[in-house]
N, C-alpha and C. Protein backbone atom coordinates (compact mmCIF):
# COMPACT_ATOMS: atom_id res chain seq x y z
N MET A 1 -19.44 -21.91 -0.37
CA MET A 1 -18.61 -22.69 -1.57
C MET A 1 -19.27 -24.24 -1.99
N ALA A 2 -19.56 -24.42 -3.26
CA ALA A 2 -19.76 -25.79 -4.11
C ALA A 2 -18.54 -26.46 -3.58
N LYS A 3 -19.23 -28.12 -3.54
CA LYS A 3 -17.87 -28.76 -3.55
C LYS A 3 -16.94 -28.85 -4.75
N LYS A 4 -15.79 -28.66 -4.40
CA LYS A 4 -15.07 -28.49 -5.20
C LYS A 4 -14.09 -30.41 -5.53
N LYS A 5 -13.31 -30.52 -6.59
CA LYS A 5 -12.28 -31.72 -6.33
C LYS A 5 -10.95 -30.92 -5.85
N SER A 6 -10.55 -29.60 -6.11
CA SER A 6 -9.52 -28.72 -5.67
C SER A 6 -9.81 -27.29 -5.28
N VAL A 7 -9.55 -27.37 -3.85
CA VAL A 7 -9.84 -25.89 -3.54
C VAL A 7 -8.53 -25.16 -3.72
N THR A 8 -8.77 -23.79 -4.36
CA THR A 8 -7.52 -22.73 -4.25
C THR A 8 -7.74 -21.46 -3.18
N GLN A 9 -6.81 -21.13 -2.98
CA GLN A 9 -6.75 -19.98 -2.31
C GLN A 9 -7.71 -18.69 -2.43
N ASN A 10 -7.58 -18.86 -3.30
CA ASN A 10 -8.61 -17.87 -4.04
C ASN A 10 -10.11 -17.94 -3.40
N ASP A 11 -10.52 -19.28 -3.33
CA ASP A 11 -11.71 -19.86 -2.98
C ASP A 11 -12.19 -19.57 -1.62
N VAL A 12 -10.51 -20.00 -1.23
CA VAL A 12 -10.64 -19.71 0.63
C VAL A 12 -11.07 -18.35 1.09
N ILE A 13 -10.43 -17.40 0.47
CA ILE A 13 -10.33 -16.00 0.21
C ILE A 13 -11.85 -15.58 0.56
N SER A 14 -12.17 -15.86 -0.63
CA SER A 14 -13.92 -15.74 -1.89
C SER A 14 -14.51 -16.11 -0.72
N ALA A 15 -14.44 -17.28 -0.02
CA ALA A 15 -15.99 -18.09 1.45
C ALA A 15 -15.31 -16.90 2.07
N TYR A 16 -14.35 -16.74 2.76
CA TYR A 16 -14.11 -16.32 4.35
C TYR A 16 -14.73 -14.36 3.69
N MET A 17 -14.16 -13.69 3.34
CA MET A 17 -15.03 -12.53 2.71
C MET A 17 -16.20 -12.40 2.93
N ASP A 18 -17.12 -13.26 2.23
CA ASP A 18 -18.62 -13.67 1.86
C ASP A 18 -19.06 -13.92 3.58
N TYR A 19 -18.56 -14.64 3.98
CA TYR A 19 -18.54 -15.52 5.70
C TYR A 19 -18.71 -13.48 6.52
N VAL A 20 -17.61 -13.13 6.47
CA VAL A 20 -17.67 -12.10 7.14
C VAL A 20 -18.73 -11.07 6.85
N LEU A 21 -18.70 -10.85 5.65
CA LEU A 21 -19.91 -9.54 5.31
C LEU A 21 -21.28 -9.95 5.53
N MET A 22 -21.44 -11.83 5.50
CA MET A 22 -22.69 -11.78 5.97
C MET A 22 -23.56 -11.74 6.81
N HIS A 23 -21.93 -12.28 8.20
CA HIS A 23 -22.38 -12.32 9.37
C HIS A 23 -21.94 -11.26 10.65
N ASN A 24 -21.35 -10.10 9.71
CA ASN A 24 -20.53 -9.10 10.22
C ASN A 24 -19.25 -9.60 11.36
N GLU A 25 -18.68 -10.59 11.22
CA GLU A 25 -17.65 -11.24 12.20
C GLU A 25 -16.83 -12.50 11.48
N GLN A 26 -15.55 -12.70 12.09
CA GLN A 26 -15.11 -13.88 11.37
C GLN A 26 -15.45 -14.85 12.08
N PRO A 27 -15.75 -16.62 11.27
CA PRO A 27 -16.12 -17.51 11.60
C PRO A 27 -15.24 -17.79 13.17
N LYS A 28 -16.28 -18.92 13.58
CA LYS A 28 -16.01 -19.05 14.94
C LYS A 28 -14.37 -19.73 15.31
N THR A 29 -14.58 -20.71 14.40
CA THR A 29 -13.22 -22.11 14.52
C THR A 29 -13.03 -21.64 12.43
N VAL A 30 -11.79 -22.30 12.61
CA VAL A 30 -11.63 -22.68 11.20
C VAL A 30 -12.19 -24.38 10.78
N TYR A 31 -12.61 -24.90 11.90
CA TYR A 31 -12.87 -26.46 11.82
C TYR A 31 -14.41 -25.77 11.11
N ALA A 32 -15.17 -25.00 12.11
CA ALA A 32 -16.45 -24.43 11.25
C ALA A 32 -16.68 -23.88 10.40
N PHE A 33 -15.62 -23.13 9.66
CA PHE A 33 -15.48 -22.56 8.49
C PHE A 33 -15.30 -23.50 7.57
N ALA A 34 -14.46 -24.43 7.65
CA ALA A 34 -13.74 -25.92 6.33
C ALA A 34 -15.79 -26.50 6.29
N LYS A 35 -16.06 -26.76 6.93
CA LYS A 35 -17.04 -27.59 7.52
C LYS A 35 -18.40 -26.75 6.45
N ASN A 36 -18.61 -25.93 6.50
CA ASN A 36 -19.55 -25.00 5.78
C ASN A 36 -19.50 -24.71 4.54
N ASN A 37 -17.74 -24.54 4.02
CA ASN A 37 -17.81 -24.58 2.46
C ASN A 37 -17.44 -25.79 2.03
N ASN A 38 -17.60 -27.10 2.81
CA ASN A 38 -17.49 -28.52 1.84
C ASN A 38 -15.80 -28.66 1.76
N MET A 39 -15.10 -28.25 2.78
CA MET A 39 -13.38 -28.48 2.66
C MET A 39 -13.15 -29.08 3.60
N LYS A 40 -11.92 -29.51 4.07
CA LYS A 40 -11.03 -30.55 4.84
C LYS A 40 -10.60 -29.10 5.47
N GLU A 41 -10.36 -29.49 6.72
CA GLU A 41 -9.61 -28.44 7.16
C GLU A 41 -8.44 -28.17 7.00
N GLU A 42 -7.66 -29.51 6.78
CA GLU A 42 -6.26 -29.24 6.62
C GLU A 42 -6.40 -28.43 5.28
N LYS A 43 -6.86 -28.56 4.47
CA LYS A 43 -6.86 -27.53 3.25
C LYS A 43 -6.65 -25.97 3.48
N PHE A 44 -7.57 -25.80 4.33
CA PHE A 44 -7.69 -24.04 5.18
C PHE A 44 -6.17 -24.13 5.41
N TYR A 45 -5.15 -24.89 6.14
CA TYR A 45 -4.14 -24.41 6.47
C TYR A 45 -3.28 -24.96 5.56
N GLU A 46 -3.36 -25.48 4.35
CA GLU A 46 -2.34 -25.20 3.38
C GLU A 46 -2.30 -23.92 2.82
N PHE A 47 -2.65 -22.96 2.99
CA PHE A 47 -2.47 -21.56 2.56
C PHE A 47 -2.51 -20.54 3.53
N PHE A 48 -3.17 -20.76 4.85
CA PHE A 48 -3.16 -19.90 5.86
C PHE A 48 -3.08 -20.59 7.00
N THR A 49 -2.37 -19.88 8.19
CA THR A 49 -2.02 -20.66 9.68
C THR A 49 -3.29 -20.06 10.40
N SER A 50 -3.77 -18.92 9.98
CA SER A 50 -5.21 -18.39 11.43
C SER A 50 -5.72 -17.69 10.07
N PHE A 51 -7.13 -17.13 10.50
CA PHE A 51 -8.13 -16.11 9.89
C PHE A 51 -6.82 -14.41 9.87
N GLU A 52 -6.33 -14.69 11.21
CA GLU A 52 -5.80 -13.29 11.20
C GLU A 52 -4.70 -12.99 10.02
N VAL A 53 -4.07 -14.28 9.62
CA VAL A 53 -2.97 -14.15 8.59
C VAL A 53 -3.85 -13.99 7.13
N LEU A 54 -4.82 -14.76 7.11
CA LEU A 54 -5.66 -14.55 6.10
C LEU A 54 -6.14 -13.16 5.47
N GLU A 55 -6.38 -12.29 6.25
CA GLU A 55 -7.20 -10.95 6.47
C GLU A 55 -5.69 -10.21 5.98
N GLN A 56 -4.65 -10.63 6.37
CA GLN A 56 -3.28 -9.63 6.29
C GLN A 56 -2.89 -9.88 4.63
N SER A 57 -3.94 -11.13 4.11
CA SER A 57 -3.01 -11.78 2.63
C SER A 57 -4.06 -10.88 1.66
N ILE A 58 -5.31 -10.68 2.42
CA ILE A 58 -6.12 -9.97 1.31
C ILE A 58 -5.43 -8.77 0.69
N PHE A 59 -5.07 -8.22 1.62
CA PHE A 59 -4.69 -6.63 1.64
C PHE A 59 -3.23 -6.85 1.10
N LYS A 60 -2.63 -8.11 0.90
CA LYS A 60 -1.29 -7.77 0.14
C LYS A 60 -1.92 -8.38 -1.59
N ILE A 61 -3.02 -8.85 -1.61
CA ILE A 61 -3.35 -9.23 -2.63
C ILE A 61 -4.07 -8.71 -3.62
N PHE A 62 -4.44 -7.31 -2.47
CA PHE A 62 -5.06 -6.13 -3.22
C PHE A 62 -3.86 -5.50 -4.20
N PHE A 63 -2.66 -5.51 -3.28
CA PHE A 63 -1.94 -4.65 -4.18
C PHE A 63 -1.19 -5.68 -5.10
N ASP A 64 -1.39 -6.35 -4.89
CA ASP A 64 -0.52 -7.60 -6.21
C ASP A 64 -1.41 -7.44 -7.19
N SER A 65 -2.27 -7.44 -7.54
CA SER A 65 -3.73 -7.56 -8.23
C SER A 65 -3.43 -5.86 -9.05
N ALA A 66 -3.16 -4.56 -8.14
CA ALA A 66 -3.18 -3.76 -8.91
C ALA A 66 -1.52 -3.58 -9.40
N HIS A 67 -0.47 -3.99 -8.90
CA HIS A 67 0.60 -4.06 -9.32
C HIS A 67 0.40 -4.72 -10.21
N ALA A 68 0.37 -5.95 -11.16
CA ALA A 68 0.02 -6.95 -12.25
C ALA A 68 -0.93 -5.78 -13.34
N VAL A 69 -1.64 -5.59 -12.95
CA VAL A 69 -2.66 -4.87 -14.05
C VAL A 69 -1.43 -3.65 -14.47
N LEU A 70 -0.35 -2.82 -13.83
CA LEU A 70 0.14 -1.77 -14.22
C LEU A 70 1.44 -2.58 -15.08
N GLU A 71 1.64 -3.23 -14.91
CA GLU A 71 2.92 -4.21 -15.11
C GLU A 71 2.75 -4.54 -16.76
N LYS A 72 1.29 -4.67 -16.95
CA LYS A 72 0.96 -5.13 -18.11
C LYS A 72 0.56 -4.34 -19.34
N SER A 73 0.43 -2.52 -18.52
CA SER A 73 0.94 -1.35 -19.20
C SER A 73 2.12 -0.90 -20.27
N ASP A 74 2.01 -1.03 -21.57
CA ASP A 74 3.86 -0.31 -21.97
C ASP A 74 3.50 1.20 -21.50
N ASP A 75 2.40 1.80 -21.60
CA ASP A 75 2.67 3.28 -21.39
C ASP A 75 3.36 3.58 -19.42
N TYR A 76 2.67 2.28 -18.78
CA TYR A 76 3.41 2.76 -17.17
C TYR A 76 4.39 2.53 -17.07
N LEU A 77 5.17 1.38 -18.12
CA LEU A 77 6.45 1.05 -18.10
C LEU A 77 7.53 2.05 -18.65
N THR A 78 6.96 3.49 -19.08
CA THR A 78 7.73 4.50 -19.89
C THR A 78 7.74 5.70 -18.69
N PHE A 79 6.86 5.64 -17.48
CA PHE A 79 6.52 6.64 -17.06
C PHE A 79 7.56 6.90 -16.15
N ASP A 80 7.76 8.17 -15.72
CA ASP A 80 8.40 8.31 -14.24
C ASP A 80 8.10 8.13 -12.98
N ALA A 81 8.59 8.19 -11.89
CA ALA A 81 8.35 7.45 -10.12
C ALA A 81 7.34 8.42 -10.19
N ARG A 82 6.55 9.65 -10.66
CA ARG A 82 5.90 10.35 -9.82
C ARG A 82 4.52 9.85 -10.31
N ASN A 83 4.53 9.69 -11.60
CA ASN A 83 3.26 9.17 -12.59
C ASN A 83 3.41 7.45 -12.57
N LYS A 84 4.61 6.86 -11.88
CA LYS A 84 3.82 5.77 -11.74
C LYS A 84 3.14 5.31 -10.38
N LEU A 85 3.93 6.27 -9.71
CA LEU A 85 2.99 6.50 -7.89
C LEU A 85 1.87 6.86 -8.07
N LEU A 86 1.35 7.48 -9.01
CA LEU A 86 -0.08 8.05 -9.19
C LEU A 86 -0.97 7.01 -9.81
N SER A 87 -0.10 6.72 -10.89
CA SER A 87 -0.87 5.26 -11.52
C SER A 87 -1.37 3.97 -10.82
N PHE A 88 -0.30 3.85 -9.92
CA PHE A 88 -0.80 2.97 -8.50
C PHE A 88 -1.71 3.42 -7.66
N TYR A 89 -1.45 4.27 -7.35
CA TYR A 89 -2.71 4.86 -6.45
C TYR A 89 -4.20 4.43 -7.15
N PHE A 90 -4.35 4.87 -7.96
CA PHE A 90 -5.68 5.05 -8.96
C PHE A 90 -5.91 3.33 -9.53
N THR A 91 -5.00 2.64 -9.41
CA THR A 91 -5.74 1.23 -10.12
C THR A 91 -5.74 0.68 -8.33
N PHE A 92 -5.22 0.78 -7.15
CA PHE A 92 -5.14 0.28 -6.44
C PHE A 92 -6.51 0.70 -5.29
N PHE A 93 -7.14 1.79 -5.48
CA PHE A 93 -7.77 2.38 -4.96
C PHE A 93 -9.04 1.75 -5.74
N GLU A 94 -9.28 1.61 -7.03
CA GLU A 94 -10.11 0.98 -7.86
C GLU A 94 -10.55 -0.24 -7.39
N ILE A 95 -9.15 -1.31 -7.15
CA ILE A 95 -9.75 -2.53 -6.45
C ILE A 95 -10.20 -2.35 -4.84
N LEU A 96 -9.53 -1.27 -4.36
CA LEU A 96 -10.38 -1.35 -2.87
C LEU A 96 -12.08 -1.14 -3.29
N THR A 97 -12.35 0.03 -4.12
CA THR A 97 -13.47 0.47 -3.97
C THR A 97 -14.32 -0.90 -4.90
N ALA A 98 -13.93 -1.87 -5.25
CA ALA A 98 -14.49 -2.42 -5.70
C ALA A 98 -14.87 -4.02 -4.89
N ASN A 99 -13.74 -3.84 -3.20
CA ASN A 99 -14.28 -4.34 -2.25
C ASN A 99 -14.62 -3.69 -0.97
N ARG A 100 -15.31 -2.42 -1.07
CA ARG A 100 -15.14 -1.37 -0.21
C ARG A 100 -16.06 -1.81 0.72
N SER A 101 -16.65 -2.99 0.52
CA SER A 101 -17.72 -3.33 1.89
C SER A 101 -17.01 -3.62 3.10
N TYR A 102 -15.96 -4.88 2.32
CA TYR A 102 -15.18 -5.98 3.34
C TYR A 102 -14.09 -5.25 3.74
N VAL A 103 -13.47 -3.71 2.78
CA VAL A 103 -12.60 -2.98 3.67
C VAL A 103 -13.17 -2.05 4.57
N ILE A 104 -14.21 -1.35 4.11
CA ILE A 104 -14.98 -0.70 5.28
C ILE A 104 -14.92 -1.57 6.81
N HIS A 105 -15.69 -2.57 6.72
CA HIS A 105 -15.64 -3.54 7.58
C HIS A 105 -14.58 -4.07 8.62
N THR A 106 -13.31 -4.22 7.60
CA THR A 106 -12.21 -4.50 8.35
C THR A 106 -11.67 -3.23 9.12
N LEU A 107 -11.65 -2.08 8.54
CA LEU A 107 -10.72 -0.83 9.00
C LEU A 107 -11.53 0.12 9.50
N ASN A 108 -12.94 0.43 9.32
CA ASN A 108 -13.25 1.40 9.75
C ASN A 108 -13.02 1.84 11.11
N ASP A 109 -13.38 0.57 12.04
CA ASP A 109 -12.89 0.93 13.55
C ASP A 109 -11.39 1.27 13.85
N HIS A 110 -10.57 1.24 12.75
CA HIS A 110 -9.40 1.14 13.43
C HIS A 110 -8.67 2.42 12.18
N LYS A 111 -9.38 3.27 11.91
CA LYS A 111 -8.86 4.30 11.03
C LYS A 111 -8.07 5.20 11.54
N LYS A 112 -8.29 5.31 12.65
CA LYS A 112 -7.06 6.04 13.71
C LYS A 112 -5.83 5.52 13.95
N SER A 113 -5.42 4.26 14.22
CA SER A 113 -4.93 3.23 13.99
C SER A 113 -4.10 2.37 13.40
N LEU A 114 -4.43 2.91 11.84
CA LEU A 114 -4.12 2.45 10.88
C LEU A 114 -2.75 1.76 10.96
N LYS A 115 -1.47 2.99 11.19
CA LYS A 115 -0.56 2.61 11.19
C LYS A 115 0.36 1.50 11.84
N SER A 116 -0.71 1.33 13.25
CA SER A 116 -0.12 -0.20 13.91
C SER A 116 -0.49 -1.17 13.68
N LEU A 117 -2.23 -1.27 12.79
CA LEU A 117 -2.71 -2.69 12.42
C LEU A 117 -2.36 -3.91 11.59
N ARG A 118 -1.91 -4.77 12.24
CA ARG A 118 -1.10 -5.47 11.92
C ARG A 118 -1.84 -6.38 10.74
N THR A 119 -2.98 -6.26 10.27
CA THR A 119 -3.62 -6.62 9.47
C THR A 119 -3.17 -6.01 7.76
N LEU A 120 -2.51 -5.24 8.15
CA LEU A 120 -1.89 -3.99 6.61
C LEU A 120 -0.47 -4.67 6.51
N SER A 121 0.04 -5.19 7.64
CA SER A 121 1.35 -5.76 7.69
C SER A 121 2.18 -6.29 6.12
N GLN A 122 1.33 -6.80 5.69
CA GLN A 122 1.85 -7.77 4.51
C GLN A 122 1.84 -6.67 3.43
N LEU A 123 0.62 -5.77 3.19
CA LEU A 123 0.88 -4.67 2.43
C LEU A 123 1.76 -3.82 2.39
N LYS A 124 2.29 -3.42 3.39
CA LYS A 124 3.04 -2.46 3.85
C LYS A 124 4.24 -3.23 3.22
N SER A 125 4.56 -4.59 3.88
CA SER A 125 5.74 -5.03 2.79
C SER A 125 5.98 -5.17 1.60
N ARG A 126 5.19 -5.20 1.00
CA ARG A 126 4.72 -4.72 -0.49
C ARG A 126 4.77 -3.43 -1.14
N PHE A 127 4.49 -2.44 0.12
CA PHE A 127 4.55 -1.20 -0.66
C PHE A 127 5.91 -0.89 -0.74
N PHE A 128 6.50 -1.20 0.76
CA PHE A 128 7.97 -0.79 0.56
C PHE A 128 8.58 -1.03 -0.21
N ASN A 129 8.50 -2.46 -0.96
CA ASN A 129 9.59 -3.01 -1.68
C ASN A 129 9.17 -2.31 -3.39
N TYR A 130 8.00 -1.92 -3.35
CA TYR A 130 7.75 -1.11 -4.54
C TYR A 130 7.89 0.50 -4.63
N ILE A 131 7.78 1.18 -3.07
CA ILE A 131 8.68 2.24 -3.43
C ILE A 131 10.54 2.29 -3.41
N GLU A 132 10.70 1.26 -2.99
CA GLU A 132 12.46 1.09 -3.30
C GLU A 132 12.42 0.92 -4.61
N HIS A 133 11.64 0.27 -5.47
CA HIS A 133 12.21 -0.06 -6.94
C HIS A 133 11.65 1.54 -7.24
N LEU A 134 11.03 1.72 -7.42
CA LEU A 134 10.57 3.16 -8.16
C LEU A 134 11.72 3.97 -8.48
N ASN A 135 12.98 3.77 -7.69
CA ASN A 135 13.88 4.69 -8.02
C ASN A 135 14.04 6.06 -7.60
N ILE A 136 12.91 6.42 -7.25
CA ILE A 136 12.43 8.23 -6.69
C ILE A 136 13.93 8.51 -6.33
N PRO A 137 14.30 9.91 -6.88
CA PRO A 137 14.93 10.77 -6.76
C PRO A 137 15.92 11.25 -5.80
N THR A 138 16.45 11.20 -4.92
CA THR A 138 17.41 11.35 -4.15
C THR A 138 18.46 12.18 -3.46
N LEU A 139 18.53 12.93 -2.25
CA LEU A 139 20.29 13.48 -2.54
C LEU A 139 21.48 12.40 -2.34
N ASP A 140 22.54 12.65 -2.93
CA ASP A 140 23.55 12.02 -2.81
C ASP A 140 24.41 12.72 -1.47
N LEU A 141 23.86 11.25 -0.53
CA LEU A 141 24.76 12.39 0.95
C LEU A 141 26.26 11.28 0.70
N LYS A 142 26.61 10.62 0.02
CA LYS A 142 28.42 10.40 0.05
C LYS A 142 28.52 9.74 0.92
N GLN A 143 27.43 9.23 1.80
CA GLN A 143 27.66 8.48 3.23
C GLN A 143 26.57 7.25 3.47
N GLU A 144 26.98 5.67 3.17
CA GLU A 144 26.00 5.20 3.07
C GLU A 144 25.41 4.87 4.22
N GLN A 145 25.72 4.98 5.65
CA GLN A 145 24.37 4.71 6.78
C GLN A 145 23.46 6.36 6.69
N LEU A 146 23.91 7.55 6.27
CA LEU A 146 23.14 8.61 5.97
C LEU A 146 21.98 8.41 4.83
N GLU A 147 22.66 7.57 3.67
CA GLU A 147 21.83 7.11 2.74
C GLU A 147 20.62 5.95 2.67
N LYS A 148 21.25 5.06 3.65
CA LYS A 148 20.09 4.17 3.94
C LYS A 148 18.90 4.86 5.17
N ILE A 149 19.37 5.81 5.75
CA ILE A 149 18.09 6.99 6.87
C ILE A 149 17.28 7.34 5.52
N GLN A 150 18.05 7.93 4.86
CA GLN A 150 17.18 8.79 3.77
C GLN A 150 16.37 7.76 3.12
N ARG A 151 16.57 6.75 2.52
CA ARG A 151 15.90 5.53 1.75
C ARG A 151 14.57 4.92 2.94
N ARG A 152 15.09 4.72 4.11
CA ARG A 152 14.26 4.67 5.11
C ARG A 152 12.88 5.47 5.21
N SER A 153 13.41 6.77 5.39
CA SER A 153 12.39 7.60 5.72
C SER A 153 11.50 8.13 4.63
N LEU A 154 12.10 7.58 3.27
CA LEU A 154 11.12 7.96 2.03
C LEU A 154 10.13 6.96 1.97
N LYS A 155 10.34 5.60 2.28
CA LYS A 155 9.59 4.60 2.25
C LYS A 155 8.03 4.62 3.43
N GLU A 156 8.86 5.38 5.04
CA GLU A 156 8.12 5.51 5.85
C GLU A 156 6.93 6.94 5.44
N SER A 157 7.74 7.51 4.87
CA SER A 157 6.78 8.77 4.15
C SER A 157 5.39 8.43 3.19
N ALA A 158 6.05 7.57 1.95
CA ALA A 158 5.00 7.54 1.28
C ALA A 158 4.51 6.26 2.00
N TRP A 159 4.28 5.41 3.12
CA TRP A 159 3.20 4.15 3.72
C TRP A 159 2.11 5.44 4.39
N LEU A 160 2.80 6.37 5.12
CA LEU A 160 1.99 7.21 6.15
C LEU A 160 0.84 7.93 4.98
N GLN A 161 1.89 8.26 3.72
CA GLN A 161 0.79 8.96 2.68
C GLN A 161 -0.59 7.93 2.29
N LEU A 162 0.13 6.95 1.98
CA LEU A 162 -0.95 5.75 1.79
C LEU A 162 -2.42 5.53 2.59
N LEU A 163 -1.31 5.53 3.79
CA LEU A 163 -2.89 5.48 4.67
C LEU A 163 -3.39 6.79 5.41
N ILE A 164 -2.83 7.79 4.46
CA ILE A 164 -3.52 9.19 5.12
C ILE A 164 -5.14 8.88 3.99
N THR A 165 -4.63 8.52 2.87
CA THR A 165 -5.12 8.55 1.55
C THR A 165 -6.27 7.44 1.96
N LEU A 166 -5.67 6.36 2.14
CA LEU A 166 -6.78 5.46 2.66
C LEU A 166 -7.99 5.75 3.56
N LYS A 167 -7.70 6.44 4.70
CA LYS A 167 -8.50 6.93 5.76
C LYS A 167 -9.54 8.23 5.07
N PHE A 168 -9.04 8.74 4.18
CA PHE A 168 -9.80 9.56 3.18
C PHE A 168 -10.94 8.57 2.53
N TRP A 169 -10.26 8.52 2.14
CA TRP A 169 -11.48 7.25 0.94
C TRP A 169 -12.32 6.57 1.95
N ILE A 170 -11.79 6.12 3.01
CA ILE A 170 -12.75 5.82 3.92
C ILE A 170 -14.00 6.47 4.27
N ASP A 171 -13.45 7.56 4.32
CA ASP A 171 -14.42 8.89 5.00
C ASP A 171 -15.46 9.48 3.44
N ASP A 172 -14.72 9.31 2.38
CA ASP A 172 -15.48 10.06 1.35
C ASP A 172 -16.94 9.44 1.25
N THR A 173 -17.43 11.02 0.83
CA THR A 173 -18.96 10.37 0.25
C THR A 173 -19.35 11.24 -0.95
N SER A 174 -18.44 11.63 -1.28
CA SER A 174 -18.43 12.00 -2.54
C SER A 174 -19.06 10.83 -3.92
N ALA A 175 -19.94 11.71 -5.03
CA ALA A 175 -19.70 10.34 -6.20
C ALA A 175 -19.01 9.87 -6.39
N SER A 176 -18.92 8.97 -6.30
CA SER A 176 -17.46 7.59 -7.60
C SER A 176 -16.51 8.20 -6.56
N PHE A 177 -16.25 8.77 -5.69
CA PHE A 177 -15.10 8.95 -4.53
C PHE A 177 -14.18 9.74 -5.43
N GLU A 178 -15.05 11.15 -5.95
CA GLU A 178 -14.29 11.98 -6.68
C GLU A 178 -13.07 12.71 -6.10
N LYS A 179 -13.35 12.99 -4.61
CA LYS A 179 -12.58 13.82 -3.90
C LYS A 179 -11.61 13.13 -3.22
N THR A 180 -11.55 11.43 -3.51
CA THR A 180 -10.10 10.65 -3.13
C THR A 180 -9.53 10.93 -4.51
N ASP A 181 -10.09 11.00 -5.54
CA ASP A 181 -9.31 11.15 -6.78
C ASP A 181 -8.72 12.28 -6.64
N LEU A 182 -9.02 13.38 -6.66
CA LEU A 182 -8.81 14.67 -6.11
C LEU A 182 -7.63 14.90 -5.38
N PHE A 183 -7.62 13.64 -3.78
CA PHE A 183 -6.90 14.23 -3.12
C PHE A 183 -5.38 13.48 -3.41
N ILE A 184 -5.47 12.21 -4.41
CA ILE A 184 -4.56 11.22 -4.56
C ILE A 184 -4.04 12.26 -5.79
N GLU A 185 -4.08 12.96 -6.21
CA GLU A 185 -3.76 14.31 -7.32
C GLU A 185 -2.66 15.10 -6.33
N LYS A 186 -3.25 15.69 -5.72
CA LYS A 186 -2.92 16.86 -5.06
C LYS A 186 -1.79 16.20 -4.05
N SER A 187 -2.35 15.37 -3.30
CA SER A 187 -0.79 14.83 -2.47
C SER A 187 0.57 14.22 -2.76
N VAL A 188 -0.07 13.24 -4.21
CA VAL A 188 1.48 12.87 -4.86
C VAL A 188 1.81 14.00 -5.11
N LYS A 189 1.58 14.75 -5.86
CA LYS A 189 2.06 16.04 -6.42
C LYS A 189 2.85 16.87 -5.42
N ALA A 190 1.97 17.14 -3.87
CA ALA A 190 2.83 17.97 -3.14
C ALA A 190 4.11 17.15 -2.69
N SER A 191 3.84 15.19 -2.12
CA SER A 191 5.02 14.99 -1.72
C SER A 191 5.98 14.94 -2.53
N PHE A 192 6.06 14.66 -4.02
CA PHE A 192 7.21 14.99 -4.81
C PHE A 192 7.99 16.59 -4.85
N ASP A 193 6.84 17.28 -5.13
CA ASP A 193 7.60 18.66 -4.60
C ASP A 193 8.60 18.75 -3.78
N LEU A 194 8.22 18.36 -2.44
CA LEU A 194 8.90 18.15 -1.34
C LEU A 194 10.16 17.56 -1.22
N ILE A 195 10.13 16.67 -1.99
CA ILE A 195 11.19 15.48 -2.07
C ILE A 195 12.45 16.33 -3.05
N ASP A 196 11.84 16.96 -4.02
CA ASP A 196 12.52 17.39 -5.00
C ASP A 196 13.82 18.03 -4.58
N THR A 197 14.75 17.44 -5.33
CA THR A 197 16.37 17.30 -4.70
C THR A 197 17.20 18.35 -5.84
N THR A 198 16.26 19.19 -6.41
CA THR A 198 16.91 20.28 -7.34
C THR A 198 17.14 21.66 -6.48
N PRO A 199 16.23 21.78 -5.27
CA PRO A 199 16.39 23.11 -4.97
C PRO A 199 17.64 23.26 -3.84
N LEU A 200 17.28 21.63 -3.10
CA LEU A 200 18.58 21.40 -2.06
C LEU A 200 19.52 21.03 -2.57
N LYS A 201 20.28 20.79 -3.67
CA LYS A 201 21.09 20.65 -4.41
C LYS A 201 21.89 21.92 -4.36
N SER A 202 21.25 22.82 -4.97
CA SER A 202 21.37 23.94 -5.25
C SER A 202 21.81 24.78 -3.67
N LEU A 203 20.95 24.59 -2.96
CA LEU A 203 21.42 25.08 -1.45
C LEU A 203 22.73 24.68 -0.96
N MET A 204 22.92 23.43 -1.41
CA MET A 204 24.29 22.37 -0.87
C MET A 204 25.51 23.18 -1.29
N ASP A 205 25.12 23.60 -2.56
CA ASP A 205 26.00 24.41 -3.69
C ASP A 205 26.50 25.23 -3.13
N LEU A 206 25.27 26.58 -2.86
CA LEU A 206 25.50 27.70 -2.52
C LEU A 206 26.58 27.22 -1.25
N GLY A 207 26.38 26.27 -0.17
CA GLY A 207 26.81 26.64 1.25
C GLY A 207 28.17 26.05 1.22
N LYS A 208 28.36 25.43 0.14
CA LYS A 208 29.86 24.90 0.11
C LYS A 208 30.50 25.99 -0.78
N PHE A 209 30.01 26.89 -1.42
CA PHE A 209 30.60 27.99 -1.95
C PHE A 209 31.14 28.96 -1.11
N LEU A 210 30.22 29.45 -0.56
CA LEU A 210 30.51 30.49 0.89
C LEU A 210 31.14 29.80 2.39
N TYR A 211 31.24 28.49 1.69
CA TYR A 211 32.18 28.02 3.16
C TYR A 211 33.61 28.47 2.40
N LYS A 212 33.69 27.67 1.08
CA LYS A 212 35.09 27.78 0.75
C LYS A 212 35.49 29.03 0.61
N GLU A 213 34.92 30.16 0.11
CA GLU A 213 34.87 31.98 0.29
C GLU A 213 35.43 32.12 1.48
N LYS A 214 34.73 31.71 2.73
CA LYS A 214 34.83 32.58 4.10
C LYS A 214 36.36 31.97 4.29
N ILE A 215 36.56 30.64 3.80
CA ILE A 215 38.12 30.09 4.05
C ILE A 215 39.13 30.99 3.40
N HIS A 216 38.69 31.54 2.21
CA HIS A 216 39.74 32.12 1.29
C HIS A 216 40.03 33.58 1.78
N MET A 217 39.34 34.17 2.22
CA MET A 217 38.99 35.17 2.96
C MET A 217 39.37 35.59 4.38
N ASN A 218 39.51 34.41 4.73
CA ASN A 218 40.32 34.41 6.34
C ASN A 218 41.47 34.14 5.64
């Protein structure tokens, strides 16, 4: 990093990613990293408390960048939940592809245990919040505790789907990652088909009807 009057968070992140890709490992110490990049050590700590927190922030920033792009699109703002999520996936994975070398370096050895990987913890928090605000239709269970469980299950399922897609993308060797695009389309469609409340509501209505009829007949 060239010597600057003011070092930004993006400067620190960019220098860190470059170092990791050039040396195939984390810097040995924050002091050495700061010195090699012509900044004071305390400047690093203005933004991050450790390299681990920095790594978590990188994946959060990937999410934020994708979300910012989408929010600028008038078309996106008119989409239903399914198409908003589909648009997010395509945009998010475009950003991951632009940083594929770093993502592969960070995640490839952990792709079988992504769910418990702390590096993705800030991304998970952002994604949970995103799913919650998509207003995906769910069953009206008439009971607050059950509805909380339902919403939590929805977010957990969506997160698991994102991790599965991420693993698929890591392993994808097709040109321009065309197979990942196809996987995204099919998996998002399938997930929304599974949570479609219309047939479930119909079954509940049928159950209520049969229950009432049974009472009347008795």
